[in-house]
N, C-alpha and C. Protein backbone atom coordinates (compact mmCIF):
# COMPACT_ATOMS: atom_id res chain seq x y z
N MET A 1 25.65 32.06 0.02
CA MET A 1 26.41 31.83 1.32
C MET A 1 27.24 30.77 1.48
N ARG A 2 27.12 30.14 -0.06
CA ARG A 2 28.05 28.94 -0.49
C ARG A 2 29.49 29.39 -0.26
N ARG A 3 29.40 30.83 -1.52
CA ARG A 3 30.77 31.90 -1.50
C ARG A 3 31.63 31.87 -0.41
N ILE A 4 30.69 32.59 0.41
CA ILE A 4 31.46 33.00 1.93
C ILE A 4 32.28 31.77 2.53
N ARG A 5 31.13 30.80 2.11
CA ARG A 5 31.80 29.11 3.35
C ARG A 5 32.83 28.87 2.70
N SER A 6 32.76 29.19 1.49
CA SER A 6 34.18 27.91 0.52
C SER A 6 34.94 28.95 0.61
N GLU A 7 35.26 30.65 0.93
CA GLU A 7 36.62 30.98 1.13
C GLU A 7 36.65 31.75 2.67
N GLU A 8 36.46 30.54 3.51
CA GLU A 8 36.73 31.46 4.68
C GLU A 8 38.49 31.31 4.89
N GLY A 9 38.77 31.54 5.80
CA GLY A 9 39.79 32.06 6.20
C GLY A 9 40.44 33.52 5.13
N THR A 10 39.69 33.93 4.32
CA THR A 10 39.91 34.77 3.49
C THR A 10 39.00 35.76 3.49
N GLU A 11 39.68 37.26 3.10
CA GLU A 11 38.45 38.41 3.86
C GLU A 11 37.44 38.55 2.79
N VAL A 12 35.95 38.43 2.49
CA VAL A 12 35.61 38.47 1.32
C VAL A 12 34.70 40.05 1.68
N LYS A 13 35.12 40.62 0.58
CA LYS A 13 34.41 41.73 0.75
C LYS A 13 32.73 42.10 0.07
N CYS A 14 31.55 42.53 1.16
CA CYS A 14 30.38 42.64 0.75
C CYS A 14 30.04 43.41 -0.84
N PRO A 15 29.43 42.84 -1.81
CA PRO A 15 29.69 43.71 -3.29
C PRO A 15 28.44 44.29 -2.98
N LEU A 16 27.41 44.43 -1.78
CA LEU A 16 27.00 46.23 -1.75
C LEU A 16 27.31 46.79 -0.89
N CYS A 17 27.96 46.87 -0.09
CA CYS A 17 28.36 47.92 1.22
C CYS A 17 30.15 47.93 0.98
N GLY A 18 30.84 47.41 0.60
CA GLY A 18 32.26 46.64 0.68
C GLY A 18 32.64 46.20 2.07
N GLU A 19 32.01 46.25 3.25
CA GLU A 19 32.61 46.15 4.37
C GLU A 19 32.37 44.51 4.30
N VAL A 20 34.01 43.46 5.13
CA VAL A 20 34.16 42.58 5.39
C VAL A 20 32.55 41.77 5.71
N GLU A 21 32.75 40.42 4.18
CA GLU A 21 30.87 40.24 4.33
C GLU A 21 31.51 38.62 5.57
N ASP A 22 30.60 38.51 5.80
CA ASP A 22 30.19 36.87 6.61
C ASP A 22 28.47 37.23 6.77
N TRP A 23 28.18 35.94 7.26
CA TRP A 23 26.69 35.36 6.83
C TRP A 23 26.22 36.18 8.08
N VAL A 24 26.95 36.67 9.52
CA VAL A 24 26.11 38.07 10.52
C VAL A 24 25.92 39.71 9.77
N HIS A 25 26.90 39.59 8.49
CA HIS A 25 27.14 40.62 8.37
C HIS A 25 25.78 40.42 6.77
N VAL A 26 25.69 39.44 5.80
CA VAL A 26 24.32 39.74 5.76
C VAL A 26 23.34 39.48 5.93
N LEU A 27 22.95 39.07 7.09
CA LEU A 27 21.47 38.84 8.05
C LEU A 27 21.42 39.93 8.79
N LEU A 28 22.69 40.59 9.27
CA LEU A 28 21.98 41.64 10.36
C LEU A 28 22.79 43.09 9.74
N ASN A 29 23.80 43.22 9.40
CA ASN A 29 24.86 44.32 9.44
C ASN A 29 24.84 45.14 8.01
N CYS A 30 24.52 44.66 6.87
CA CYS A 30 25.04 45.54 5.80
C CYS A 30 23.71 46.60 5.51
N ASN A 31 24.84 47.70 5.50
CA ASN A 31 23.94 48.67 5.54
C ASN A 31 22.95 48.98 4.34
N ASN A 32 23.42 48.30 3.28
CA ASN A 32 22.38 48.64 2.38
C ASN A 32 21.26 48.47 2.46
N THR A 33 21.07 46.75 3.11
CA THR A 33 20.15 46.61 3.53
C THR A 33 18.81 46.74 4.26
N GLU A 34 19.44 47.70 4.99
CA GLU A 34 19.19 48.19 6.57
C GLU A 34 17.25 48.13 6.65
N ASN A 35 16.76 48.74 5.46
CA ASN A 35 15.31 48.94 5.11
C ASN A 35 14.56 48.01 5.26
N ALA A 36 14.57 47.25 4.07
CA ALA A 36 14.45 45.75 4.17
C ALA A 36 14.56 44.90 5.60
N ARG A 37 15.41 44.88 5.95
CA ARG A 37 15.62 43.99 7.25
C ARG A 37 14.48 44.56 8.41
N GLN A 38 14.34 45.38 8.65
CA GLN A 38 14.13 46.55 9.86
C GLN A 38 12.78 46.38 10.17
N THR A 39 12.23 45.58 9.52
CA THR A 39 10.48 45.08 8.99
C THR A 39 10.53 43.74 9.67
N TRP A 40 11.40 43.36 9.95
CA TRP A 40 10.83 41.55 10.11
C TRP A 40 11.93 41.57 11.53
N LEU A 41 12.67 42.65 11.90
CA LEU A 41 13.14 42.54 13.27
C LEU A 41 12.45 43.40 13.68
N VAL A 42 11.71 44.16 13.51
CA VAL A 42 10.60 45.02 14.73
C VAL A 42 9.51 43.49 14.53
N GLN A 43 9.43 42.99 13.92
CA GLN A 43 7.77 42.23 13.82
C GLN A 43 8.49 40.69 14.89
N GLY A 44 9.85 40.54 14.99
CA GLY A 44 10.40 39.43 15.73
C GLY A 44 10.79 39.69 17.11
N GLY A 45 10.66 41.01 16.76
CA GLY A 45 10.37 41.54 18.78
C GLY A 45 12.45 42.01 18.83
N TYR A 46 13.34 41.84 17.78
CA TYR A 46 14.58 41.72 17.71
C TYR A 46 15.27 42.69 17.42
N GLU A 47 14.15 44.23 17.28
CA GLU A 47 15.41 45.60 17.06
C GLU A 47 15.61 46.04 17.60
N ASN A 48 16.06 46.07 19.02
CA ASN A 48 16.94 46.91 19.92
C ASN A 48 17.99 46.01 20.55
N ARG A 49 18.06 44.67 19.87
CA ARG A 49 18.83 43.62 20.47
C ARG A 49 20.49 43.90 19.45
N GLN A 50 21.54 43.63 20.47
CA GLN A 50 23.31 44.10 19.83
C GLN A 50 23.26 42.89 17.63
N ARG A 51 24.02 43.67 17.30
CA ARG A 51 23.04 42.49 16.18
C ARG A 51 24.62 41.83 16.19
N ASP A 52 25.62 41.20 16.54
CA ASP A 52 26.12 39.65 16.51
C ASP A 52 25.59 38.41 16.27
N GLN A 53 26.50 37.59 16.48
CA GLN A 53 26.19 36.24 15.96
C GLN A 53 25.27 35.40 16.82
N ASN A 54 25.01 35.57 18.20
CA ASN A 54 24.24 35.17 19.03
C ASN A 54 22.84 35.47 18.62
N LEU A 55 22.56 36.38 18.11
CA LEU A 55 21.82 37.42 17.82
C LEU A 55 20.78 36.65 16.71
N ALA A 56 22.09 36.57 15.02
CA ALA A 56 21.81 35.82 13.96
C ALA A 56 21.31 34.25 14.40
N ILE A 57 21.90 33.87 15.44
CA ILE A 57 21.67 32.51 15.42
C ILE A 57 20.51 32.41 16.15
N GLU A 58 20.00 33.06 17.04
CA GLU A 58 18.50 33.16 17.27
C GLU A 58 17.97 33.02 16.67
N ILE A 59 17.86 34.41 15.97
CA ILE A 59 16.96 34.04 14.58
C ILE A 59 16.78 33.40 13.89
N MET A 60 17.79 32.98 13.19
CA MET A 60 17.91 31.63 12.59
C MET A 60 17.22 30.23 12.80
N ARG A 61 16.80 30.47 14.47
CA ARG A 61 16.71 29.74 15.11
C ARG A 61 14.99 29.58 15.47
N ASP A 62 14.20 31.05 14.91
CA ASP A 62 13.41 30.98 15.42
C ASP A 62 12.12 30.18 13.91
N ASN A 63 11.20 29.63 14.41
CA ASN A 63 10.71 29.08 13.68
C ASN A 63 9.25 29.19 13.73
N ARG A 64 9.00 30.91 14.40
CA ARG A 64 7.10 31.22 14.08
C ARG A 64 7.37 32.23 12.56
N LEU A 65 6.26 31.18 12.32
CA LEU A 65 6.21 31.69 10.79
C LEU A 65 5.96 32.93 10.41
N SER A 66 5.73 34.12 10.74
CA SER A 66 5.85 35.54 10.65
C SER A 66 7.53 35.34 10.20
N VAL A 67 8.24 35.25 11.28
CA VAL A 67 9.77 35.35 11.15
C VAL A 67 10.19 34.89 9.89
N VAL A 68 10.12 33.22 9.69
CA VAL A 68 10.26 33.09 8.60
C VAL A 68 10.07 33.00 7.30
N GLN A 69 9.10 34.04 7.09
CA GLN A 69 8.67 34.34 5.98
C GLN A 69 8.90 35.72 5.75
N PHE A 70 9.25 36.16 6.66
CA PHE A 70 10.08 37.65 7.01
C PHE A 70 11.63 37.41 6.46
N LEU A 71 12.71 36.09 6.62
CA LEU A 71 13.62 36.06 6.32
C LEU A 71 13.36 35.53 4.65
N ALA A 72 12.60 34.36 4.64
CA ALA A 72 12.46 34.16 3.34
C ALA A 72 12.44 35.74 2.09
N ARG A 73 11.64 36.49 2.25
CA ARG A 73 11.29 37.34 1.76
C ARG A 73 13.09 38.86 1.39
N PHE A 74 13.33 38.70 3.16
CA PHE A 74 14.40 39.30 3.04
C PHE A 74 15.88 38.35 2.17
N PHE A 75 15.60 37.55 2.41
CA PHE A 75 17.34 36.74 1.58
C PHE A 75 16.89 36.88 -0.01
N ASN A 76 15.70 36.53 -0.05
CA ASN A 76 15.52 36.92 -1.74
C ASN A 76 15.83 38.47 -1.99
N TYR A 77 15.34 39.22 -1.66
CA TYR A 77 15.45 40.64 -1.92
C TYR A 77 16.87 40.78 -1.63
N VAL A 78 17.47 40.40 -1.03
CA VAL A 78 19.28 40.66 -0.88
C VAL A 78 19.93 40.17 -2.06
N ARG A 79 19.36 38.65 -2.48
CA ARG A 79 19.77 37.16 -3.58
C ARG A 79 19.83 38.78 -4.77
N ARG A 80 18.62 39.21 -5.43
CA ARG A 80 18.22 39.74 -5.95
C ARG A 80 18.92 41.37 -6.20
N ARG A 81 19.48 42.26 -5.13
CA ARG A 81 19.92 43.15 -5.22
C ARG A 81 21.81 42.83 -5.36
N ARG A 82 21.96 41.64 -4.85
CA ARG A 82 22.94 41.27 -5.17
C ARG A 82 23.89 41.24 -6.40
N GLU A 83 22.64 40.37 -7.47
CA GLU A 83 22.54 40.11 -8.67
C GLU A 83 22.52 41.17 -9.58
N GLY A 84 22.17 42.74 -8.66
CA GLY A 84 22.14 43.65 -9.77
C GLY A 84 20.31 43.57 -10.28
N ILE A 85 19.92 42.93 -9.91
CA ILE A 85 18.03 42.84 -10.33
C ILE A 85 17.55 44.29 -9.95
N ILE A 86 18.12 44.31 -8.89
CA ILE A 86 17.15 45.76 -7.72
C ILE A 86 18.99 46.48 -7.94
N THR A 87 18.57 47.62 -8.10
CA THR A 87 19.52 48.52 -7.88
C THR A 87 19.65 49.75 -6.78
N ARG A 88 18.56 49.63 -6.48
CA ARG A 88 18.29 50.91 -5.21
C ARG A 88 16.85 50.32 -4.11
N GLU A 89 17.16 50.44 -2.57
CA GLU A 89 16.03 50.26 -1.97
C GLU A 89 14.53 51.29 -2.26
């Protein structure tokens, strides 16, 4: 996320899918991490919501232990995918 923030104003491409990347994309919209994301979206009751900045903010403010734990695992998974440690879902 530091890399995304440091390049604000420029279009950064997601290394996993090639779409324009921002923090909402990483959290909610990257197609290459959808399977991993789906579990915590369902668990948190977020699966049928529009995936936009408002939802992203709501999720990041959710302090339920189950959501926080799923997010931690998800971000670890995304980091490992981006570093090439995991090549496939």
